[in-house]
Amino acid sequence: MDPFTAMMIMKGVSTVMNHQGQQAAAAAQRAAKYKRDLAIVSKLKGAFSGARQGFADTNIARMNLSDAKATTGIEARLNQMRIASSLKASGIPQGQSSEALGRHTIGDTLRGESKIIAQLKMKGAELDNRDRNLKHQMDMAWLDAKAQIAGTSYQKGPGIVPLALNLGSDYLGAKSYEKQMS
């Protein structure tokens, strides 16, 4: 085998192996990025699942508050009726003082109802705040995942053109070496 052919074979094999190594490295990087992106998406799905459960819990609490408001109103009306019927059934002579006593007692009942309703409104505001916090957490988790995925890119392996150029360069190098040896 002449020196030109031997050198051409060695350089060609070296160039092809280098090219294959670069392709393998790029493929490994793409696989690693894909796995990282899948882990980020999985983490995001977990965060969204937790937030959905939080929204469901908040909605249940809202229904309970609504039921409590309704119950409080019914109880207050029943207490008013009890007081009015108790005063009539007590046999106290009817007049301004007994009416004032009834109004005072009913007023106490209404003040208690107002206090409970104010507390329920405060709890409703807390639930609204919780919903806003959950929505904010979901938005931030989405933006964080999007930034993490966009922060890295898939590496493209070398194409056929660089391989052909390198093989051509090897050929010219081998030709130059052959001329120097002759």
N, C-alpha and C. Protein backbone atom coordinates (compact mmCIF):
# COMPACT_ATOMS: atom_id res chain seq x y z
N MET A 1 0.86 -1.16 0.00
CA MET A 1 0.00 0.00 0.00
C MET A 1 0.91 1.23 0.00
N ASP A 2 0.61 2.15 -0.86
CA ASP A 2 1.45 3.34 -0.96
C ASP A 2 1.15 4.29 0.19
N PRO A 3 2.09 5.20 0.50
CA PRO A 3 1.93 6.11 1.64
C PRO A 3 0.70 7.01 1.52
N PHE A 4 0.37 7.44 0.32
CA PHE A 4 -0.80 8.31 0.14
C PHE A 4 -2.08 7.59 0.56
N THR A 5 -2.25 6.37 0.13
CA THR A 5 -3.45 5.61 0.45
C THR A 5 -3.52 5.34 1.95
N ALA A 6 -2.41 4.97 2.54
CA ALA A 6 -2.37 4.69 3.97
C ALA A 6 -2.74 5.95 4.77
N MET A 7 -2.15 7.07 4.38
CA MET A 7 -2.43 8.31 5.08
C MET A 7 -3.89 8.72 4.87
N MET A 8 -4.39 8.54 3.67
CA MET A 8 -5.77 8.90 3.37
C MET A 8 -6.74 8.05 4.18
N ILE A 9 -6.46 6.78 4.31
CA ILE A 9 -7.32 5.89 5.09
C ILE A 9 -7.29 6.30 6.57
N MET A 10 -6.12 6.57 7.12
CA MET A 10 -5.98 6.94 8.53
C MET A 10 -6.71 8.25 8.82
N LYS A 11 -6.49 9.25 7.97
CA LYS A 11 -7.15 10.54 8.19
C LYS A 11 -8.67 10.40 8.01
N GLY A 12 -9.09 9.65 7.01
CA GLY A 12 -10.53 9.45 6.77
C GLY A 12 -11.20 8.76 7.94
N VAL A 13 -10.56 7.70 8.44
CA VAL A 13 -11.12 6.98 9.59
C VAL A 13 -11.18 7.90 10.79
N SER A 14 -10.13 8.66 11.02
CA SER A 14 -10.10 9.61 12.14
C SER A 14 -11.20 10.65 12.01
N THR A 15 -11.39 11.18 10.83
CA THR A 15 -12.42 12.20 10.60
C THR A 15 -13.82 11.63 10.80
N VAL A 16 -14.07 10.44 10.27
CA VAL A 16 -15.39 9.81 10.42
C VAL A 16 -15.65 9.49 11.89
N MET A 17 -14.66 8.98 12.62
CA MET A 17 -14.84 8.67 14.03
C MET A 17 -15.09 9.93 14.85
N ASN A 18 -14.37 11.00 14.51
CA ASN A 18 -14.60 12.28 15.19
C ASN A 18 -16.03 12.76 14.94
N HIS A 19 -16.47 12.65 13.70
CA HIS A 19 -17.82 13.05 13.33
C HIS A 19 -18.86 12.23 14.09
N GLN A 20 -18.66 10.94 14.16
CA GLN A 20 -19.59 10.07 14.89
C GLN A 20 -19.59 10.39 16.39
N GLY A 21 -18.43 10.71 16.93
CA GLY A 21 -18.34 11.10 18.34
C GLY A 21 -19.11 12.38 18.62
N GLN A 22 -19.01 13.35 17.70
CA GLN A 22 -19.76 14.59 17.87
C GLN A 22 -21.26 14.34 17.78
N GLN A 23 -21.66 13.46 16.87
CA GLN A 23 -23.08 13.12 16.76
C GLN A 23 -23.57 12.42 18.03
N ALA A 24 -22.77 11.53 18.56
CA ALA A 24 -23.15 10.81 19.79
C ALA A 24 -23.25 11.77 20.97
N ALA A 25 -22.30 12.72 21.05
CA ALA A 25 -22.34 13.71 22.14
C ALA A 25 -23.59 14.58 22.03
N ALA A 26 -23.93 14.99 20.82
CA ALA A 26 -25.13 15.80 20.62
C ALA A 26 -26.39 15.01 20.96
N ALA A 27 -26.41 13.74 20.58
CA ALA A 27 -27.57 12.89 20.90
C ALA A 27 -27.71 12.70 22.41
N ALA A 28 -26.60 12.54 23.10
CA ALA A 28 -26.64 12.39 24.56
C ALA A 28 -27.14 13.68 25.21
N GLN A 29 -26.70 14.82 24.69
CA GLN A 29 -27.17 16.10 25.23
C GLN A 29 -28.66 16.27 25.00
N ARG A 30 -29.14 15.90 23.82
CA ARG A 30 -30.57 16.01 23.52
C ARG A 30 -31.39 15.10 24.44
N ALA A 31 -30.89 13.90 24.67
CA ALA A 31 -31.59 12.96 25.56
C ALA A 31 -31.63 13.50 27.00
N ALA A 32 -30.52 14.08 27.45
CA ALA A 32 -30.48 14.64 28.81
C ALA A 32 -31.44 15.82 28.93
N LYS A 33 -31.47 16.69 27.92
CA LYS A 33 -32.40 17.82 27.95
C LYS A 33 -33.83 17.34 27.96
N TYR A 34 -34.13 16.34 27.15
CA TYR A 34 -35.48 15.79 27.10
C TYR A 34 -35.90 15.27 28.47
N LYS A 35 -35.00 14.54 29.14
CA LYS A 35 -35.30 14.02 30.47
C LYS A 35 -35.51 15.16 31.48
N ARG A 36 -34.66 16.20 31.41
CA ARG A 36 -34.82 17.36 32.29
C ARG A 36 -36.17 18.04 32.04
N ASP A 37 -36.51 18.22 30.78
CA ASP A 37 -37.78 18.86 30.44
C ASP A 37 -38.96 18.04 30.93
N LEU A 38 -38.88 16.71 30.81
CA LEU A 38 -39.95 15.86 31.32
C LEU A 38 -40.08 15.99 32.84
N ALA A 39 -38.95 16.07 33.54
CA ALA A 39 -38.99 16.23 35.00
C ALA A 39 -39.61 17.58 35.37
N ILE A 40 -39.29 18.62 34.62
CA ILE A 40 -39.85 19.95 34.89
C ILE A 40 -41.37 19.92 34.67
N VAL A 41 -41.81 19.30 33.58
CA VAL A 41 -43.24 19.22 33.29
C VAL A 41 -43.95 18.39 34.36
N SER A 42 -43.32 17.32 34.80
CA SER A 42 -43.91 16.48 35.85
C SER A 42 -44.06 17.27 37.14
N LYS A 43 -43.05 18.04 37.49
CA LYS A 43 -43.10 18.88 38.69
C LYS A 43 -44.21 19.92 38.56
N LEU A 44 -44.35 20.50 37.36
CA LEU A 44 -45.39 21.49 37.12
C LEU A 44 -46.78 20.85 37.27
N LYS A 45 -46.95 19.65 36.74
CA LYS A 45 -48.23 18.95 36.87
C LYS A 45 -48.55 18.70 38.34
N GLY A 46 -47.54 18.36 39.12
CA GLY A 46 -47.75 18.15 40.56
C GLY A 46 -48.19 19.43 41.26
N ALA A 47 -47.56 20.55 40.89
CA ALA A 47 -47.94 21.83 41.48
C ALA A 47 -49.36 22.20 41.10
N PHE A 48 -49.73 21.97 39.83
CA PHE A 48 -51.09 22.27 39.38
C PHE A 48 -52.11 21.37 40.08
N SER A 49 -51.74 20.11 40.30
CA SER A 49 -52.64 19.19 40.99
C SER A 49 -52.89 19.67 42.42
N GLY A 50 -51.85 20.09 43.11
CA GLY A 50 -52.00 20.62 44.46
C GLY A 50 -52.85 21.87 44.49
N ALA A 51 -52.67 22.74 43.49
CA ALA A 51 -53.46 23.96 43.43
C ALA A 51 -54.93 23.65 43.16
N ARG A 52 -55.18 22.69 42.26
CA ARG A 52 -56.57 22.31 42.00
C ARG A 52 -57.25 21.78 43.27
N GLN A 53 -56.51 21.01 44.05
CA GLN A 53 -57.06 20.51 45.31
C GLN A 53 -57.33 21.68 46.26
N GLY A 54 -56.42 22.65 46.26
CA GLY A 54 -56.63 23.84 47.09
C GLY A 54 -57.88 24.61 46.68
N PHE A 55 -58.10 24.75 45.37
CA PHE A 55 -59.31 25.42 44.89
C PHE A 55 -60.56 24.64 45.30
N ALA A 56 -60.49 23.31 45.21
CA ALA A 56 -61.64 22.49 45.61
C ALA A 56 -61.92 22.65 47.10
N ASP A 57 -60.88 22.66 47.92
CA ASP A 57 -61.05 22.85 49.36
C ASP A 57 -61.66 24.22 49.66
N THR A 58 -61.21 25.24 48.93
CA THR A 58 -61.74 26.59 49.12
C THR A 58 -63.22 26.64 48.74
N ASN A 59 -63.59 25.97 47.65
CA ASN A 59 -64.99 25.96 47.25
C ASN A 59 -65.87 25.25 48.28
N ILE A 60 -65.36 24.18 48.86
CA ILE A 60 -66.11 23.49 49.91
C ILE A 60 -66.28 24.41 51.12
N ALA A 61 -65.21 25.11 51.47
CA ALA A 61 -65.29 26.05 52.59
C ALA A 61 -66.29 27.17 52.29
N ARG A 62 -66.35 27.63 51.04
CA ARG A 62 -67.32 28.66 50.65
C ARG A 62 -68.75 28.15 50.81
N MET A 63 -68.98 26.90 50.40
CA MET A 63 -70.33 26.32 50.57
C MET A 63 -70.69 26.22 52.05
N ASN A 64 -69.71 25.85 52.87
CA ASN A 64 -69.95 25.77 54.31
C ASN A 64 -70.27 27.15 54.88
N LEU A 65 -69.57 28.18 54.40
CA LEU A 65 -69.87 29.55 54.84
C LEU A 65 -71.27 29.97 54.43
N SER A 66 -71.64 29.63 53.22
CA SER A 66 -72.98 29.96 52.73
C SER A 66 -74.04 29.27 53.59
N ASP A 67 -73.80 28.01 53.91
CA ASP A 67 -74.73 27.28 54.77
C ASP A 67 -74.80 27.91 56.16
N ALA A 68 -73.64 28.32 56.68
CA ALA A 68 -73.60 28.94 58.00
C ALA A 68 -74.36 30.27 57.99
N LYS A 69 -74.23 31.05 56.93
CA LYS A 69 -74.98 32.31 56.83
C LYS A 69 -76.47 32.05 56.83
N ALA A 70 -76.88 31.07 56.04
CA ALA A 70 -78.30 30.74 55.97
C ALA A 70 -78.81 30.26 57.32
N THR A 71 -78.05 29.41 57.97
CA THR A 71 -78.43 28.88 59.28
C THR A 71 -78.52 30.00 60.31
N THR A 72 -77.56 30.94 60.25
CA THR A 72 -77.56 32.06 61.18
C THR A 72 -78.80 32.92 60.98
N GLY A 73 -79.16 33.17 59.75
CA GLY A 73 -80.36 33.97 59.47
C GLY A 73 -81.62 33.28 59.96
N ILE A 74 -81.70 31.99 59.72
CA ILE A 74 -82.87 31.22 60.17
C ILE A 74 -82.95 31.22 61.69
N GLU A 75 -81.80 30.99 62.34
CA GLU A 75 -81.77 30.98 63.80
C GLU A 75 -82.18 32.34 64.37
N ALA A 76 -81.73 33.41 63.74
CA ALA A 76 -82.08 34.75 64.23
C ALA A 76 -83.57 34.98 64.10
N ARG A 77 -84.16 34.58 62.98
CA ARG A 77 -85.60 34.76 62.80
C ARG A 77 -86.38 33.91 63.79
N LEU A 78 -85.91 32.67 64.00
CA LEU A 78 -86.58 31.81 64.98
C LEU A 78 -86.49 32.41 66.38
N ASN A 79 -85.35 32.96 66.72
CA ASN A 79 -85.19 33.59 68.04
C ASN A 79 -86.13 34.79 68.18
N GLN A 80 -86.28 35.58 67.12
CA GLN A 80 -87.20 36.71 67.17
C GLN A 80 -88.63 36.21 67.43
N MET A 81 -88.99 35.16 66.72
CA MET A 81 -90.34 34.62 66.89
C MET A 81 -90.52 34.03 68.29
N ARG A 82 -89.49 33.36 68.80
CA ARG A 82 -89.56 32.79 70.16
C ARG A 82 -89.74 33.89 71.20
N ILE A 83 -88.95 34.95 71.02
CA ILE A 83 -89.03 36.05 71.99
C ILE A 83 -90.42 36.68 71.95
N ALA A 84 -90.91 36.95 70.73
CA ALA A 84 -92.23 37.57 70.62
C ALA A 84 -93.31 36.67 71.21
N SER A 85 -93.25 35.38 70.92
CA SER A 85 -94.27 34.48 71.46
C SER A 85 -94.10 34.28 72.97
N SER A 86 -92.86 34.31 73.46
CA SER A 86 -92.63 34.18 74.91
C SER A 86 -93.22 35.36 75.65
N LEU A 87 -93.05 36.55 75.07
CA LEU A 87 -93.60 37.74 75.73
C LEU A 87 -95.12 37.69 75.76
N LYS A 88 -95.72 37.23 74.67
CA LYS A 88 -97.18 37.15 74.63
C LYS A 88 -97.68 36.06 75.57
N ALA A 89 -96.95 34.93 75.62
CA ALA A 89 -97.38 33.82 76.45
C ALA A 89 -97.09 34.04 77.93
N SER A 90 -96.20 34.97 78.25
CA SER A 90 -95.82 35.17 79.65
C SER A 90 -96.93 35.81 80.46
N GLY A 91 -97.83 36.44 79.79
CA GLY A 91 -98.93 37.07 80.51
C GLY A 91 -98.58 38.45 81.03
N ILE A 92 -97.45 38.98 80.64
CA ILE A 92 -97.07 40.34 81.05
C ILE A 92 -98.06 41.29 80.36
N PRO A 93 -98.53 42.24 81.10
CA PRO A 93 -99.47 43.17 80.47
C PRO A 93 -98.80 43.85 79.28
N GLN A 94 -99.55 43.97 78.21
CA GLN A 94 -99.02 44.57 76.99
C GLN A 94 -99.04 46.09 77.14
N GLY A 95 -97.92 46.67 76.77
CA GLY A 95 -97.80 48.12 76.82
C GLY A 95 -96.45 48.52 76.27
N GLN A 96 -96.13 49.79 76.56
CA GLN A 96 -94.89 50.30 75.99
C GLN A 96 -93.67 49.61 76.59
N SER A 97 -93.69 49.31 77.86
CA SER A 97 -92.52 48.70 78.50
C SER A 97 -92.31 47.28 78.00
N SER A 98 -93.38 46.52 77.83
CA SER A 98 -93.21 45.15 77.32
C SER A 98 -92.77 45.17 75.86
N GLU A 99 -93.27 46.13 75.08
CA GLU A 99 -92.82 46.26 73.70
C GLU A 99 -91.35 46.66 73.65
N ALA A 100 -90.95 47.55 74.55
CA ALA A 100 -89.55 47.97 74.60
C ALA A 100 -88.66 46.80 75.00
N LEU A 101 -89.12 45.99 75.95
CA LEU A 101 -88.36 44.81 76.36
C LEU A 101 -88.22 43.85 75.18
N GLY A 102 -89.29 43.65 74.42
CA GLY A 102 -89.26 42.77 73.25
C GLY A 102 -88.30 43.30 72.18
N ARG A 103 -88.39 44.60 71.92
CA ARG A 103 -87.48 45.20 70.92
C ARG A 103 -86.03 45.09 71.38
N HIS A 104 -85.79 45.30 72.67
CA HIS A 104 -84.42 45.21 73.21
C HIS A 104 -83.89 43.78 73.07
N THR A 105 -84.70 42.79 73.39
CA THR A 105 -84.28 41.40 73.30
C THR A 105 -84.04 40.99 71.83
N ILE A 106 -84.96 41.42 70.96
CA ILE A 106 -84.79 41.13 69.53
C ILE A 106 -83.55 41.85 68.99
N GLY A 107 -83.31 43.06 69.46
CA GLY A 107 -82.10 43.80 69.06
C GLY A 107 -80.84 43.05 69.45
N ASP A 108 -80.84 42.49 70.67
CA ASP A 108 -79.68 41.69 71.10
C ASP A 108 -79.46 40.50 70.16
N THR A 109 -80.55 39.87 69.76
CA THR A 109 -80.47 38.73 68.85
C THR A 109 -79.90 39.18 67.50
N LEU A 110 -80.38 40.31 66.99
CA LEU A 110 -79.90 40.81 65.70
C LEU A 110 -78.44 41.23 65.76
N ARG A 111 -78.03 41.81 66.90
CA ARG A 111 -76.61 42.18 67.05
C ARG A 111 -75.72 40.94 67.04
N GLY A 112 -76.21 39.87 67.69
CA GLY A 112 -75.45 38.62 67.67
C GLY A 112 -75.36 38.06 66.25
N GLU A 113 -76.48 38.16 65.51
CA GLU A 113 -76.48 37.71 64.11
C GLU A 113 -75.52 38.55 63.28
N SER A 114 -75.54 39.85 63.48
CA SER A 114 -74.64 40.73 62.72
C SER A 114 -73.18 40.41 63.00
N LYS A 115 -72.89 40.10 64.26
CA LYS A 115 -71.51 39.75 64.62
C LYS A 115 -71.07 38.46 63.92
N ILE A 116 -71.95 37.48 63.90
CA ILE A 116 -71.62 36.21 63.24
C ILE A 116 -71.46 36.42 61.74
N ILE A 117 -72.35 37.21 61.14
CA ILE A 117 -72.26 37.47 59.70
C ILE A 117 -70.97 38.21 59.37
N ALA A 118 -70.56 39.15 60.23
CA ALA A 118 -69.29 39.86 60.01
C ALA A 118 -68.11 38.88 60.04
N GLN A 119 -68.15 37.94 60.98
CA GLN A 119 -67.08 36.93 61.05
C GLN A 119 -67.09 36.05 59.80
N LEU A 120 -68.27 35.70 59.32
CA LEU A 120 -68.36 34.88 58.11
C LEU A 120 -67.85 35.65 56.89
N LYS A 121 -68.13 36.95 56.84
CA LYS A 121 -67.60 37.77 55.73
C LYS A 121 -66.08 37.81 55.79
N MET A 122 -65.53 37.90 56.98
CA MET A 122 -64.07 37.90 57.15
C MET A 122 -63.48 36.58 56.66
N LYS A 123 -64.14 35.48 56.98
CA LYS A 123 -63.66 34.18 56.51
C LYS A 123 -63.79 34.09 54.99
N GLY A 124 -64.85 34.68 54.43
CA GLY A 124 -65.01 34.72 52.98
C GLY A 124 -63.88 35.49 52.32
N ALA A 125 -63.48 36.60 52.94
CA ALA A 125 -62.35 37.39 52.41
C ALA A 125 -61.06 36.58 52.49
N GLU A 126 -60.90 35.82 53.56
CA GLU A 126 -59.71 34.96 53.69
C GLU A 126 -59.69 33.91 52.58
N LEU A 127 -60.84 33.37 52.26
CA LEU A 127 -60.92 32.37 51.18
C LEU A 127 -60.60 33.01 49.83
N ASP A 128 -61.07 34.24 49.61
CA ASP A 128 -60.73 34.95 48.37
C ASP A 128 -59.22 35.17 48.27
N ASN A 129 -58.62 35.53 49.40
CA ASN A 129 -57.17 35.74 49.43
C ASN A 129 -56.43 34.42 49.15
N ARG A 130 -56.96 33.34 49.68
CA ARG A 130 -56.35 32.03 49.44
C ARG A 130 -56.42 31.67 47.95
N ASP A 131 -57.57 31.95 47.32
CA ASP A 131 -57.70 31.70 45.88
C ASP A 131 -56.69 32.52 45.08
N ARG A 132 -56.53 33.79 45.45
CA ARG A 132 -55.54 34.63 44.74
C ARG A 132 -54.13 34.09 44.91
N ASN A 133 -53.81 33.63 46.13
CA ASN A 133 -52.48 33.06 46.37
C ASN A 133 -52.26 31.79 45.56
N LEU A 134 -53.28 30.94 45.48
CA LEU A 134 -53.16 29.71 44.69
C LEU A 134 -52.97 30.04 43.21
N LYS A 135 -53.73 31.02 42.72
CA LYS A 135 -53.59 31.41 41.31
C LYS A 135 -52.19 31.97 41.06
N HIS A 136 -51.71 32.78 41.99
CA HIS A 136 -50.35 33.34 41.85
C HIS A 136 -49.31 32.23 41.84
N GLN A 137 -49.46 31.25 42.73
CA GLN A 137 -48.52 30.13 42.78
C GLN A 137 -48.54 29.35 41.47
N MET A 138 -49.73 29.14 40.91
CA MET A 138 -49.84 28.43 39.64
C MET A 138 -49.17 29.22 38.52
N ASP A 139 -49.41 30.52 38.50
CA ASP A 139 -48.79 31.36 37.47
C ASP A 139 -47.26 31.33 37.58
N MET A 140 -46.76 31.43 38.81
CA MET A 140 -45.32 31.44 39.01
C MET A 140 -44.71 30.07 38.66
N ALA A 141 -45.39 28.99 38.99
CA ALA A 141 -44.89 27.65 38.64
C ALA A 141 -44.82 27.50 37.13
N TRP A 142 -45.84 28.01 36.43
CA TRP A 142 -45.86 27.94 34.96
C TRP A 142 -44.70 28.74 34.38
N LEU A 143 -44.53 29.97 34.86
CA LEU A 143 -43.46 30.82 34.33
C LEU A 143 -42.09 30.23 34.65
N ASP A 144 -41.93 29.66 35.84
CA ASP A 144 -40.65 29.06 36.21
C ASP A 144 -40.35 27.86 35.31
N ALA A 145 -41.34 27.01 35.10
CA ALA A 145 -41.13 25.84 34.22
C ALA A 145 -40.82 26.28 32.80
N LYS A 146 -41.53 27.28 32.33
CA LYS A 146 -41.30 27.78 30.97
C LYS A 146 -39.88 28.33 30.84
N ALA A 147 -39.43 29.08 31.85
CA ALA A 147 -38.08 29.64 31.82
C ALA A 147 -37.02 28.55 31.89
N GLN A 148 -37.25 27.53 32.72
CA GLN A 148 -36.27 26.44 32.82
C GLN A 148 -36.15 25.69 31.51
N ILE A 149 -37.28 25.43 30.87
CA ILE A 149 -37.25 24.69 29.60
C ILE A 149 -36.62 25.55 28.51
N ALA A 150 -36.97 26.82 28.48
CA ALA A 150 -36.41 27.71 27.45
C ALA A 150 -34.94 28.04 27.72
N GLY A 151 -34.49 27.84 28.95
CA GLY A 151 -33.11 28.18 29.32
C GLY A 151 -32.06 27.27 28.70
N THR A 152 -32.48 26.12 28.25
CA THR A 152 -31.54 25.21 27.58
C THR A 152 -32.11 24.88 26.21
N SER A 153 -31.24 24.53 25.32
CA SER A 153 -31.71 24.20 23.97
C SER A 153 -31.13 22.86 23.55
N TYR A 154 -31.78 22.29 22.57
CA TYR A 154 -31.29 21.03 22.04
C TYR A 154 -30.05 21.30 21.18
N GLN A 155 -29.02 20.51 21.38
CA GLN A 155 -27.79 20.66 20.62
C GLN A 155 -27.93 19.91 19.31
N LYS A 156 -27.60 20.60 18.25
CA LYS A 156 -27.68 19.98 16.93
C LYS A 156 -26.34 19.34 16.63
N GLY A 157 -26.37 18.12 16.17
CA GLY A 157 -25.14 17.42 15.81
C GLY A 157 -24.58 17.94 14.50
N PRO A 158 -23.33 17.60 14.20
CA PRO A 158 -22.73 18.06 12.95
C PRO A 158 -23.42 17.38 11.77
N GLY A 159 -23.60 18.12 10.70
CA GLY A 159 -24.25 17.59 9.52
C GLY A 159 -23.26 16.91 8.59
N ILE A 160 -23.73 16.60 7.41
CA ILE A 160 -22.91 15.91 6.42
C ILE A 160 -21.90 16.86 5.77
N VAL A 161 -22.25 18.14 5.71
CA VAL A 161 -21.35 19.10 5.05
C VAL A 161 -20.02 19.21 5.78
N PRO A 162 -19.99 19.38 7.11
CA PRO A 162 -18.68 19.43 7.77
C PRO A 162 -17.87 18.15 7.58
N LEU A 163 -18.56 16.99 7.54
CA LEU A 163 -17.85 15.73 7.31
C LEU A 163 -17.22 15.74 5.92
N ALA A 164 -17.98 16.17 4.92
CA ALA A 164 -17.44 16.21 3.56
C ALA A 164 -16.28 17.20 3.47
N LEU A 165 -16.42 18.35 4.11
CA LEU A 165 -15.33 19.33 4.08
C LEU A 165 -14.08 18.80 4.76
N ASN A 166 -14.27 18.12 5.90
CA ASN A 166 -13.12 17.55 6.61
C ASN A 166 -12.46 16.44 5.79
N LEU A 167 -13.28 15.61 5.15
CA LEU A 167 -12.69 14.56 4.30
C LEU A 167 -11.94 15.18 3.12
N GLY A 168 -12.50 16.24 2.55
CA GLY A 168 -11.81 16.95 1.46
C GLY A 168 -10.50 17.55 1.93
N SER A 169 -10.53 18.13 3.13
CA SER A 169 -9.31 18.71 3.70
C SER A 169 -8.27 17.61 3.94
N ASP A 170 -8.73 16.46 4.44
CA ASP A 170 -7.82 15.32 4.65
C ASP A 170 -7.21 14.86 3.32
N TYR A 171 -8.03 14.84 2.30
CA TYR A 171 -7.54 14.42 0.98
C TYR A 171 -6.46 15.39 0.49
N LEU A 172 -6.73 16.68 0.63
CA LEU A 172 -5.74 17.67 0.20
C LEU A 172 -4.47 17.58 1.04
N GLY A 173 -4.63 17.32 2.34
CA GLY A 173 -3.47 17.16 3.20
C GLY A 173 -2.63 15.95 2.81
N ALA A 174 -3.33 14.87 2.49
CA ALA A 174 -2.62 13.65 2.07
C ALA A 174 -1.93 13.88 0.73
N LYS A 175 -2.57 14.60 -0.19
CA LYS A 175 -1.95 14.91 -1.49
C LYS A 175 -0.71 15.76 -1.29
N SER A 176 -0.83 16.74 -0.39
CA SER A 176 0.32 17.61 -0.10
C SER A 176 1.47 16.80 0.48
N TYR A 177 1.14 15.88 1.38
CA TYR A 177 2.16 15.03 1.98
C TYR A 177 2.80 14.14 0.92
N GLU A 178 1.99 13.62 -0.02
CA GLU A 178 2.51 12.76 -1.08
C GLU A 178 3.50 13.55 -1.98
N LYS A 179 3.15 14.79 -2.27
CA LYS A 179 4.02 15.61 -3.12
C LYS A 179 5.34 15.90 -2.39
N GLN A 180 5.28 16.11 -1.09
CA GLN A 180 6.49 16.37 -0.35
C GLN A 180 7.38 15.14 -0.30
N MET A 181 6.75 13.96 -0.26
CA MET A 181 7.54 12.74 -0.22
C MET A 181 8.13 12.38 -1.55
N SER A 182 7.56 12.87 -2.68
CA SER A 182 8.10 12.51 -3.97
C SER A 182 9.22 13.41 -4.39
